[in-house]
Amino acid sequence: SGARAGDELILGKRLGVGFYSAALKKGLLSSPCYASMIAS
């Protein structure tokens, strides 16, 4: 609740975990992408 006008917004991790999880359930997620998902 403390954000102020003029503040910059910073995001710490990459997005797309939900896409990855859906791909995993469909058997489409590659091994390198699974490793990226777990690391994140």
ModelCIF file with pLDDT and N, C-alpha, C, O atoms, coordinates in Angstrom:
data_MODEL
#
_entry.id   MODEL 
#
_entity.id                         1 
_entity.type                       polymer 
_entity.pdbx_number_of_molecules   1 
#
_entity_poly.entity_id                      1 
_entity_poly.type                           'polypeptide(L)' 
_entity_poly.nstd_linkage                   no 
_entity_poly.nstd_monomer                   no 
_entity_poly.pdbx_seq_one_letter_code       SGARAGDELILGKRLGVGFYSAALKKGLLSSPCYASMIAS 
_entity_poly.pdbx_seq_one_letter_code_can   SGARAGDELILGKRLGVGFYSAALKKGLLSSPCYASMIAS 
_entity_poly.pdbx_strand_id                 A 
#
loop_
_entity_poly_seq.entity_id 
_entity_poly_seq.num 
_entity_poly_seq.mon_id 
_entity_poly_seq.hetero 
1 1  SER n 
1 2  GLY n 
1 3  ALA n 
1 4  ARG n 
1 5  ALA n 
1 6  GLY n 
1 7  ASP n 
1 8  GLU n 
1 9  LEU n 
1 10 ILE n 
1 11 LEU n 
1 12 GLY n 
1 13 LYS n 
1 14 ARG n 
1 15 LEU n 
1 16 GLY n 
1 17 VAL n 
1 18 GLY n 
1 19 PHE n 
1 20 TYR n 
1 21 SER n 
1 22 ALA n 
1 23 ALA n 
1 24 LEU n 
1 25 LYS n 
1 26 LYS n 
1 27 GLY n 
1 28 LEU n 
1 29 LEU n 
1 30 SER n 
1 31 SER n 
1 32 PRO n 
1 33 CYS n 
1 34 TYR n 
1 35 ALA n 
1 36 SER n 
1 37 MET n 
1 38 ILE n 
1 39 ALA n 
1 40 SER n 
#
_struct_asym.id          A 
_struct_asym.entity_id   1 
#
loop_
_ma_qa_metric.id 
_ma_qa_metric.mode 
_ma_qa_metric.name 
_ma_qa_metric.software_group_id 
_ma_qa_metric.type 
1 global pLDDT . pLDDT 
2 local  pLDDT . pLDDT 
#
_ma_qa_metric_global.metric_id      1 
_ma_qa_metric_global.metric_value   96.78 
_ma_qa_metric_global.model_id       1 
_ma_qa_metric_global.ordinal_id     1 
#
loop_
_ma_qa_metric_local.label_asym_id 
_ma_qa_metric_local.label_comp_id 
_ma_qa_metric_local.label_seq_id 
_ma_qa_metric_local.metric_id 
_ma_qa_metric_local.metric_value 
_ma_qa_metric_local.model_id 
_ma_qa_metric_local.ordinal_id 
A SER 1  2 93.00 1 1  
A GLY 2  2 94.00 1 2  
A ALA 3  2 97.00 1 3  
A ARG 4  2 98.00 1 4  
A ALA 5  2 98.00 1 5  
A GLY 6  2 98.00 1 6  
A ASP 7  2 98.00 1 7  
A GLU 8  2 98.00 1 8  
A LEU 9  2 98.00 1 9  
A ILE 10 2 98.00 1 10 
A LEU 11 2 98.00 1 11 
A GLY 12 2 98.00 1 12 
A LYS 13 2 98.00 1 13 
A ARG 14 2 98.00 1 14 
A LEU 15 2 98.00 1 15 
A GLY 16 2 97.00 1 16 
A VAL 17 2 97.00 1 17 
A GLY 18 2 95.00 1 18 
A PHE 19 2 97.00 1 19 
A TYR 20 2 97.00 1 20 
A SER 21 2 94.00 1 21 
A ALA 22 2 94.00 1 22 
A ALA 23 2 96.00 1 23 
A LEU 24 2 95.00 1 24 
A LYS 25 2 91.00 1 25 
A LYS 26 2 93.00 1 26 
A GLY 27 2 94.00 1 27 
A LEU 28 2 97.00 1 28 
A LEU 29 2 97.00 1 29 
A SER 30 2 98.00 1 30 
A SER 31 2 97.00 1 31 
A PRO 32 2 98.00 1 32 
A CYS 33 2 98.00 1 33 
A TYR 34 2 98.00 1 34 
A ALA 35 2 98.00 1 35 
A SER 36 2 98.00 1 36 
A MET 37 2 98.00 1 37 
A ILE 38 2 98.00 1 38 
A ALA 39 2 98.00 1 39 
A SER 40 2 98.00 1 40 
#
loop_
_atom_site.group_PDB 
_atom_site.id 
_atom_site.type_symbol 
_atom_site.label_atom_id 
_atom_site.label_alt_id 
_atom_site.label_comp_id 
_atom_site.label_asym_id 
_atom_site.label_entity_id 
_atom_site.label_seq_id 
_atom_site.pdbx_PDB_ins_code 
_atom_site.Cartn_x 
_atom_site.Cartn_y 
_atom_site.Cartn_z 
_atom_site.occupancy 
_atom_site.B_iso_or_equiv 
_atom_site.pdbx_formal_charge 
_atom_site.auth_seq_id 
_atom_site.auth_comp_id 
_atom_site.auth_asym_id 
_atom_site.auth_atom_id 
_atom_site.pdbx_PDB_model_num 
ATOM 1   N N  . SER A 1 1  ? 0.792  -1.227  0.000   1.00 93.00 ? 1  SER A N  1 
ATOM 2   C CA . SER A 1 1  ? 0.000  0.000   0.000   1.00 93.00 ? 1  SER A CA 1 
ATOM 3   C C  . SER A 1 1  ? 0.827  1.280   0.000   1.00 93.00 ? 1  SER A C  1 
ATOM 4   O O  . SER A 1 1  ? 0.261  2.358   0.182   1.00 93.00 ? 1  SER A O  1 
ATOM 5   N N  . GLY A 1 2  ? 2.130  1.208   -0.195  1.00 94.00 ? 2  GLY A N  1 
ATOM 6   C CA . GLY A 1 2  ? 2.965  2.406   -0.056  1.00 94.00 ? 2  GLY A CA 1 
ATOM 7   C C  . GLY A 1 2  ? 3.476  3.006   -1.346  1.00 94.00 ? 2  GLY A C  1 
ATOM 8   O O  . GLY A 1 2  ? 4.272  3.945   -1.307  1.00 94.00 ? 2  GLY A O  1 
ATOM 9   N N  . ALA A 1 3  ? 3.040  2.488   -2.508  1.00 97.00 ? 3  ALA A N  1 
ATOM 10  C CA . ALA A 1 3  ? 3.552  2.993   -3.784  1.00 97.00 ? 3  ALA A CA 1 
ATOM 11  C C  . ALA A 1 3  ? 3.204  4.468   -3.969  1.00 97.00 ? 3  ALA A C  1 
ATOM 12  O O  . ALA A 1 3  ? 2.136  4.922   -3.557  1.00 97.00 ? 3  ALA A O  1 
ATOM 13  N N  . ARG A 1 4  ? 4.122  5.212   -4.597  1.00 98.00 ? 4  ARG A N  1 
ATOM 14  C CA . ARG A 1 4  ? 3.944  6.643   -4.797  1.00 98.00 ? 4  ARG A CA 1 
ATOM 15  C C  . ARG A 1 4  ? 4.106  6.993   -6.269  1.00 98.00 ? 4  ARG A C  1 
ATOM 16  O O  . ARG A 1 4  ? 4.852  6.337   -6.995  1.00 98.00 ? 4  ARG A O  1 
ATOM 17  N N  . ALA A 1 5  ? 3.402  8.033   -6.700  1.00 98.00 ? 5  ALA A N  1 
ATOM 18  C CA . ALA A 1 5  ? 3.542  8.504   -8.071  1.00 98.00 ? 5  ALA A CA 1 
ATOM 19  C C  . ALA A 1 5  ? 5.005  8.852   -8.339  1.00 98.00 ? 5  ALA A C  1 
ATOM 20  O O  . ALA A 1 5  ? 5.644  9.525   -7.530  1.00 98.00 ? 5  ALA A O  1 
ATOM 21  N N  . GLY A 1 6  ? 5.529  8.400   -9.461  1.00 98.00 ? 6  GLY A N  1 
ATOM 22  C CA . GLY A 1 6  ? 6.930  8.603   -9.802  1.00 98.00 ? 6  GLY A CA 1 
ATOM 23  C C  . GLY A 1 6  ? 7.811  7.405   -9.517  1.00 98.00 ? 6  GLY A C  1 
ATOM 24  O O  . GLY A 1 6  ? 8.941  7.337   -10.000 1.00 98.00 ? 6  GLY A O  1 
ATOM 25  N N  . ASP A 1 7  ? 7.303  6.447   -8.727  1.00 98.00 ? 7  ASP A N  1 
ATOM 26  C CA . ASP A 1 7  ? 8.070  5.230   -8.446  1.00 98.00 ? 7  ASP A CA 1 
ATOM 27  C C  . ASP A 1 7  ? 8.296  4.418   -9.711  1.00 98.00 ? 7  ASP A C  1 
ATOM 28  O O  . ASP A 1 7  ? 7.481  4.433   -10.633 1.00 98.00 ? 7  ASP A O  1 
ATOM 29  N N  . GLU A 1 8  ? 9.414  3.714   -9.738  1.00 98.00 ? 8  GLU A N  1 
ATOM 30  C CA . GLU A 1 8  ? 9.691  2.732   -10.782 1.00 98.00 ? 8  GLU A CA 1 
ATOM 31  C C  . GLU A 1 8  ? 9.226  1.364   -10.288 1.00 98.00 ? 8  GLU A C  1 
ATOM 32  O O  . GLU A 1 8  ? 9.267  1.079   -9.091  1.00 98.00 ? 8  GLU A O  1 
ATOM 33  N N  . LEU A 1 9  ? 8.785  0.526   -11.218 1.00 98.00 ? 9  LEU A N  1 
ATOM 34  C CA . LEU A 1 9  ? 8.357  -0.836  -10.901 1.00 98.00 ? 9  LEU A CA 1 
ATOM 35  C C  . LEU A 1 9  ? 9.409  -1.829  -11.354 1.00 98.00 ? 9  LEU A C  1 
ATOM 36  O O  . LEU A 1 9  ? 9.843  -1.804  -12.506 1.00 98.00 ? 9  LEU A O  1 
ATOM 37  N N  . ILE A 1 10 ? 9.818  -2.701  -10.452 1.00 98.00 ? 10 ILE A N  1 
ATOM 38  C CA . ILE A 1 10 ? 10.843 -3.703  -10.753 1.00 98.00 ? 10 ILE A CA 1 
ATOM 39  C C  . ILE A 1 10 ? 10.285 -5.086  -10.460 1.00 98.00 ? 10 ILE A C  1 
ATOM 40  O O  . ILE A 1 10 ? 9.683  -5.311  -9.411  1.00 98.00 ? 10 ILE A O  1 
ATOM 41  N N  . LEU A 1 11 ? 10.488 -6.015  -11.395 1.00 98.00 ? 11 LEU A N  1 
ATOM 42  C CA . LEU A 1 11 ? 10.061 -7.410  -11.231 1.00 98.00 ? 11 LEU A CA 1 
ATOM 43  C C  . LEU A 1 11 ? 11.284 -8.299  -11.107 1.00 98.00 ? 11 LEU A C  1 
ATOM 44  O O  . LEU A 1 11 ? 12.223 -8.189  -11.896 1.00 98.00 ? 11 LEU A O  1 
ATOM 45  N N  . GLY A 1 12 ? 11.271 -9.192  -10.099 1.00 98.00 ? 12 GLY A N  1 
ATOM 46  C CA . GLY A 1 12 ? 12.454 -9.972  -9.777  1.00 98.00 ? 12 GLY A CA 1 
ATOM 47  C C  . GLY A 1 12 ? 12.641 -11.264 -10.555 1.00 98.00 ? 12 GLY A C  1 
ATOM 48  O O  . GLY A 1 12 ? 13.773 -11.721 -10.711 1.00 98.00 ? 12 GLY A O  1 
ATOM 49  N N  . LYS A 1 13 ? 11.543 -11.880 -11.057 1.00 98.00 ? 13 LYS A N  1 
ATOM 50  C CA . LYS A 1 13 ? 11.651 -13.158 -11.771 1.00 98.00 ? 13 LYS A CA 1 
ATOM 51  C C  . LYS A 1 13 ? 10.950 -13.071 -13.124 1.00 98.00 ? 13 LYS A C  1 
ATOM 52  O O  . LYS A 1 13 ? 10.154 -12.166 -13.377 1.00 98.00 ? 13 LYS A O  1 
ATOM 53  N N  . ARG A 1 14 ? 11.265 -14.029 -13.979 1.00 98.00 ? 14 ARG A N  1 
ATOM 54  C CA . ARG A 1 14 ? 10.644 -14.084 -15.299 1.00 98.00 ? 14 ARG A CA 1 
ATOM 55  C C  . ARG A 1 14 ? 9.228  -14.653 -15.215 1.00 98.00 ? 14 ARG A C  1 
ATOM 56  O O  . ARG A 1 14 ? 8.896  -15.403 -14.297 1.00 98.00 ? 14 ARG A O  1 
ATOM 57  N N  . LEU A 1 15 ? 8.413  -14.284 -16.181 1.00 98.00 ? 15 LEU A N  1 
ATOM 58  C CA . LEU A 1 15 ? 7.016  -14.714 -16.247 1.00 98.00 ? 15 LEU A CA 1 
ATOM 59  C C  . LEU A 1 15 ? 6.852  -15.928 -17.161 1.00 98.00 ? 15 LEU A C  1 
ATOM 60  O O  . LEU A 1 15 ? 7.702  -16.208 -18.007 1.00 98.00 ? 15 LEU A O  1 
ATOM 61  N N  . GLY A 1 16 ? 5.736  -16.644 -16.972 1.00 97.00 ? 16 GLY A N  1 
ATOM 62  C CA . GLY A 1 16 ? 5.398  -17.755 -17.850 1.00 97.00 ? 16 GLY A CA 1 
ATOM 63  C C  . GLY A 1 16 ? 5.250  -19.094 -17.161 1.00 97.00 ? 16 GLY A C  1 
ATOM 64  O O  . GLY A 1 16 ? 5.126  -20.120 -17.829 1.00 97.00 ? 16 GLY A O  1 
ATOM 65  N N  . VAL A 1 17 ? 5.262  -19.106 -15.821 1.00 97.00 ? 17 VAL A N  1 
ATOM 66  C CA . VAL A 1 17 ? 5.176  -20.370 -15.088 1.00 97.00 ? 17 VAL A CA 1 
ATOM 67  C C  . VAL A 1 17 ? 3.869  -21.092 -15.383 1.00 97.00 ? 17 VAL A C  1 
ATOM 68  O O  . VAL A 1 17 ? 3.855  -22.314 -15.528 1.00 97.00 ? 17 VAL A O  1 
ATOM 69  N N  . GLY A 1 18 ? 2.765  -20.341 -15.473 1.00 95.00 ? 18 GLY A N  1 
ATOM 70  C CA . GLY A 1 18 ? 1.479  -20.974 -15.767 1.00 95.00 ? 18 GLY A CA 1 
ATOM 71  C C  . GLY A 1 18 ? 1.450  -21.619 -17.136 1.00 95.00 ? 18 GLY A C  1 
ATOM 72  O O  . GLY A 1 18 ? 0.906  -22.713 -17.291 1.00 95.00 ? 18 GLY A O  1 
ATOM 73  N N  . PHE A 1 19 ? 2.029  -20.957 -18.142 1.00 97.00 ? 19 PHE A N  1 
ATOM 74  C CA . PHE A 1 19 ? 2.138  -21.541 -19.485 1.00 97.00 ? 19 PHE A CA 1 
ATOM 75  C C  . PHE A 1 19 ? 2.941  -22.842 -19.417 1.00 97.00 ? 19 PHE A C  1 
ATOM 76  O O  . PHE A 1 19 ? 2.571  -23.852 -20.016 1.00 97.00 ? 19 PHE A O  1 
ATOM 77  N N  . TYR A 1 20 ? 4.039  -22.791 -18.681 1.00 97.00 ? 20 TYR A N  1 
ATOM 78  C CA . TYR A 1 20 ? 4.879  -23.982 -18.530 1.00 97.00 ? 20 TYR A CA 1 
ATOM 79  C C  . TYR A 1 20 ? 4.113  -25.115 -17.869 1.00 97.00 ? 20 TYR A C  1 
ATOM 80  O O  . TYR A 1 20 ? 4.191  -26.260 -18.316 1.00 97.00 ? 20 TYR A O  1 
ATOM 81  N N  . SER A 1 21 ? 3.374  -24.808 -16.809 1.00 94.00 ? 21 SER A N  1 
ATOM 82  C CA . SER A 1 21 ? 2.654  -25.862 -16.088 1.00 94.00 ? 21 SER A CA 1 
ATOM 83  C C  . SER A 1 21 ? 1.594  -26.501 -16.977 1.00 94.00 ? 21 SER A C  1 
ATOM 84  O O  . SER A 1 21 ? 1.381  -27.712 -16.923 1.00 94.00 ? 21 SER A O  1 
ATOM 85  N N  . ALA A 1 22 ? 0.926  -25.683 -17.801 1.00 94.00 ? 22 ALA A N  1 
ATOM 86  C CA . ALA A 1 22 ? -0.070 -26.231 -18.727 1.00 94.00 ? 22 ALA A CA 1 
ATOM 87  C C  . ALA A 1 22 ? 0.595  -27.110 -19.770 1.00 94.00 ? 22 ALA A C  1 
ATOM 88  O O  . ALA A 1 22 ? 0.053  -28.148 -20.150 1.00 94.00 ? 22 ALA A O  1 
ATOM 89  N N  . ALA A 1 23 ? 1.779  -26.693 -20.237 1.00 96.00 ? 23 ALA A N  1 
ATOM 90  C CA . ALA A 1 23 ? 2.518  -27.495 -21.213 1.00 96.00 ? 23 ALA A CA 1 
ATOM 91  C C  . ALA A 1 23 ? 2.980  -28.811 -20.606 1.00 96.00 ? 23 ALA A C  1 
ATOM 92  O O  . ALA A 1 23 ? 2.966  -29.846 -21.272 1.00 96.00 ? 23 ALA A O  1 
ATOM 93  N N  . LEU A 1 24 ? 3.386  -28.773 -19.346 1.00 95.00 ? 24 LEU A N  1 
ATOM 94  C CA . LEU A 1 24 ? 3.814  -29.991 -18.657 1.00 95.00 ? 24 LEU A CA 1 
ATOM 95  C C  . LEU A 1 24 ? 2.669  -30.981 -18.551 1.00 95.00 ? 24 LEU A C  1 
ATOM 96  O O  . LEU A 1 24 ? 2.852  -32.176 -18.783 1.00 95.00 ? 24 LEU A O  1 
ATOM 97  N N  . LYS A 1 25 ? 1.485  -30.487 -18.201 1.00 91.00 ? 25 LYS A N  1 
ATOM 98  C CA . LYS A 1 25 ? 0.337  -31.366 -18.049 1.00 91.00 ? 25 LYS A CA 1 
ATOM 99  C C  . LYS A 1 25 ? -0.047 -32.011 -19.379 1.00 91.00 ? 25 LYS A C  1 
ATOM 100 O O  . LYS A 1 25 ? -0.589 -33.116 -19.403 1.00 91.00 ? 25 LYS A O  1 
ATOM 101 N N  . LYS A 1 26 ? 0.238  -31.312 -20.497 1.00 93.00 ? 26 LYS A N  1 
ATOM 102 C CA . LYS A 1 26 ? -0.057 -31.852 -21.820 1.00 93.00 ? 26 LYS A CA 1 
ATOM 103 C C  . LYS A 1 26 ? 1.098  -32.671 -22.393 1.00 93.00 ? 26 LYS A C  1 
ATOM 104 O O  . LYS A 1 26 ? 1.006  -33.179 -23.511 1.00 93.00 ? 26 LYS A O  1 
ATOM 105 N N  . GLY A 1 27 ? 2.183  -32.799 -21.631 1.00 94.00 ? 27 GLY A N  1 
ATOM 106 C CA . GLY A 1 27 ? 3.334  -33.566 -22.083 1.00 94.00 ? 27 GLY A CA 1 
ATOM 107 C C  . GLY A 1 27 ? 4.159  -32.864 -23.133 1.00 94.00 ? 27 GLY A C  1 
ATOM 108 O O  . GLY A 1 27 ? 4.864  -33.519 -23.901 1.00 94.00 ? 27 GLY A O  1 
ATOM 109 N N  . LEU A 1 28 ? 4.089  -31.535 -23.185 1.00 97.00 ? 28 LEU A N  1 
ATOM 110 C CA . LEU A 1 28 ? 4.786  -30.775 -24.228 1.00 97.00 ? 28 LEU A CA 1 
ATOM 111 C C  . LEU A 1 28 ? 6.029  -30.042 -23.732 1.00 97.00 ? 28 LEU A C  1 
ATOM 112 O O  . LEU A 1 28 ? 6.843  -29.600 -24.543 1.00 97.00 ? 28 LEU A O  1 
ATOM 113 N N  . LEU A 1 29 ? 6.189  -29.908 -22.435 1.00 97.00 ? 29 LEU A N  1 
ATOM 114 C CA . LEU A 1 29 ? 7.287  -29.099 -21.910 1.00 97.00 ? 29 LEU A CA 1 
ATOM 115 C C  . LEU A 1 29 ? 8.627  -29.812 -22.090 1.00 97.00 ? 29 LEU A C  1 
ATOM 116 O O  . LEU A 1 29 ? 8.788  -30.963 -21.684 1.00 97.00 ? 29 LEU A O  1 
ATOM 117 N N  . SER A 1 30 ? 9.581  -29.120 -22.700 1.00 98.00 ? 30 SER A N  1 
ATOM 118 C CA . SER A 1 30 ? 10.901 -29.705 -22.942 1.00 98.00 ? 30 SER A CA 1 
ATOM 119 C C  . SER A 1 30 ? 11.690 -29.795 -21.635 1.00 98.00 ? 30 SER A C  1 
ATOM 120 O O  . SER A 1 30 ? 11.378 -29.112 -20.660 1.00 98.00 ? 30 SER A O  1 
ATOM 121 N N  . SER A 1 31 ? 12.710 -30.644 -21.632 1.00 97.00 ? 31 SER A N  1 
ATOM 122 C CA . SER A 1 31 ? 13.548 -30.800 -20.440 1.00 97.00 ? 31 SER A CA 1 
ATOM 123 C C  . SER A 1 31 ? 14.264 -29.503 -20.053 1.00 97.00 ? 31 SER A C  1 
ATOM 124 O O  . SER A 1 31 ? 14.297 -29.161 -18.871 1.00 97.00 ? 31 SER A O  1 
ATOM 125 N N  . PRO A 1 32 ? 14.847 -28.760 -21.029 1.00 98.00 ? 32 PRO A N  1 
ATOM 126 C CA . PRO A 1 32 ? 15.484 -27.488 -20.646 1.00 98.00 ? 32 PRO A CA 1 
ATOM 127 C C  . PRO A 1 32 ? 14.493 -26.488 -20.047 1.00 98.00 ? 32 PRO A C  1 
ATOM 128 O O  . PRO A 1 32 ? 14.835 -25.762 -19.113 1.00 98.00 ? 32 PRO A O  1 
ATOM 129 N N  . CYS A 1 33 ? 13.274 -26.446 -20.576 1.00 98.00 ? 33 CYS A N  1 
ATOM 130 C CA . CYS A 1 33 ? 12.275 -25.517 -20.035 1.00 98.00 ? 33 CYS A CA 1 
ATOM 131 C C  . CYS A 1 33 ? 11.802 -25.968 -18.660 1.00 98.00 ? 33 CYS A C  1 
ATOM 132 O O  . CYS A 1 33 ? 11.520 -25.138 -17.797 1.00 98.00 ? 33 CYS A O  1 
ATOM 133 N N  . TYR A 1 34 ? 11.715 -27.279 -18.452 1.00 98.00 ? 34 TYR A N  1 
ATOM 134 C CA . TYR A 1 34 ? 11.355 -27.774 -17.128 1.00 98.00 ? 34 TYR A CA 1 
ATOM 135 C C  . TYR A 1 34 ? 12.427 -27.359 -16.113 1.00 98.00 ? 34 TYR A C  1 
ATOM 136 O O  . TYR A 1 34 ? 12.117 -26.955 -14.992 1.00 98.00 ? 34 TYR A O  1 
ATOM 137 N N  . ALA A 1 35 ? 13.699 -27.470 -16.532 1.00 98.00 ? 35 ALA A N  1 
ATOM 138 C CA . ALA A 1 35 ? 14.790 -27.060 -15.648 1.00 98.00 ? 35 ALA A CA 1 
ATOM 139 C C  . ALA A 1 35 ? 14.698 -25.569 -15.326 1.00 98.00 ? 35 ALA A C  1 
ATOM 140 O O  . ALA A 1 35 ? 14.961 -25.162 -14.194 1.00 98.00 ? 35 ALA A O  1 
ATOM 141 N N  . SER A 1 36 ? 14.326 -24.753 -16.313 1.00 98.00 ? 36 SER A N  1 
ATOM 142 C CA . SER A 1 36 ? 14.160 -23.315 -16.079 1.00 98.00 ? 36 SER A CA 1 
ATOM 143 C C  . SER A 1 36 ? 13.015 -23.057 -15.110 1.00 98.00 ? 36 SER A C  1 
ATOM 144 O O  . SER A 1 36 ? 13.095 -22.173 -14.258 1.00 98.00 ? 36 SER A O  1 
ATOM 145 N N  . MET A 1 37 ? 11.956 -23.835 -15.251 1.00 98.00 ? 37 MET A N  1 
ATOM 146 C CA . MET A 1 37 ? 10.795 -23.691 -14.375 1.00 98.00 ? 37 MET A CA 1 
ATOM 147 C C  . MET A 1 37 ? 11.170 -24.005 -12.930 1.00 98.00 ? 37 MET A C  1 
ATOM 148 O O  . MET A 1 37 ? 10.816 -23.255 -12.020 1.00 98.00 ? 37 MET A O  1 
ATOM 149 N N  . ILE A 1 38 ? 11.874 -25.092 -12.718 1.00 98.00 ? 38 ILE A N  1 
ATOM 150 C CA . ILE A 1 38 ? 12.268 -25.485 -11.365 1.00 98.00 ? 38 ILE A CA 1 
ATOM 151 C C  . ILE A 1 38 ? 13.240 -24.474 -10.768 1.00 98.00 ? 38 ILE A C  1 
ATOM 152 O O  . ILE A 1 38 ? 13.131 -24.124 -9.593  1.00 98.00 ? 38 ILE A O  1 
ATOM 153 N N  . ALA A 1 39 ? 14.184 -24.006 -11.571 1.00 98.00 ? 39 ALA A N  1 
ATOM 154 C CA . ALA A 1 39 ? 15.155 -23.030 -11.080 1.00 98.00 ? 39 ALA A CA 1 
ATOM 155 C C  . ALA A 1 39 ? 14.458 -21.752 -10.612 1.00 98.00 ? 39 ALA A C  1 
ATOM 156 O O  . ALA A 1 39 ? 14.846 -21.160 -9.605  1.00 98.00 ? 39 ALA A O  1 
ATOM 157 N N  . SER A 1 40 ? 13.430 -21.333 -11.348 1.00 98.00 ? 40 SER A N  1 
ATOM 158 C CA . SER A 1 40 ? 12.717 -20.108 -10.997 1.00 98.00 ? 40 SER A CA 1 
ATOM 159 C C  . SER A 1 40 ? 11.824 -20.306 -9.772  1.00 98.00 ? 40 SER A C  1 
ATOM 160 O O  . SER A 1 40 ? 11.151 -19.370 -9.341  1.00 98.00 ? 40 SER A O  1 
#
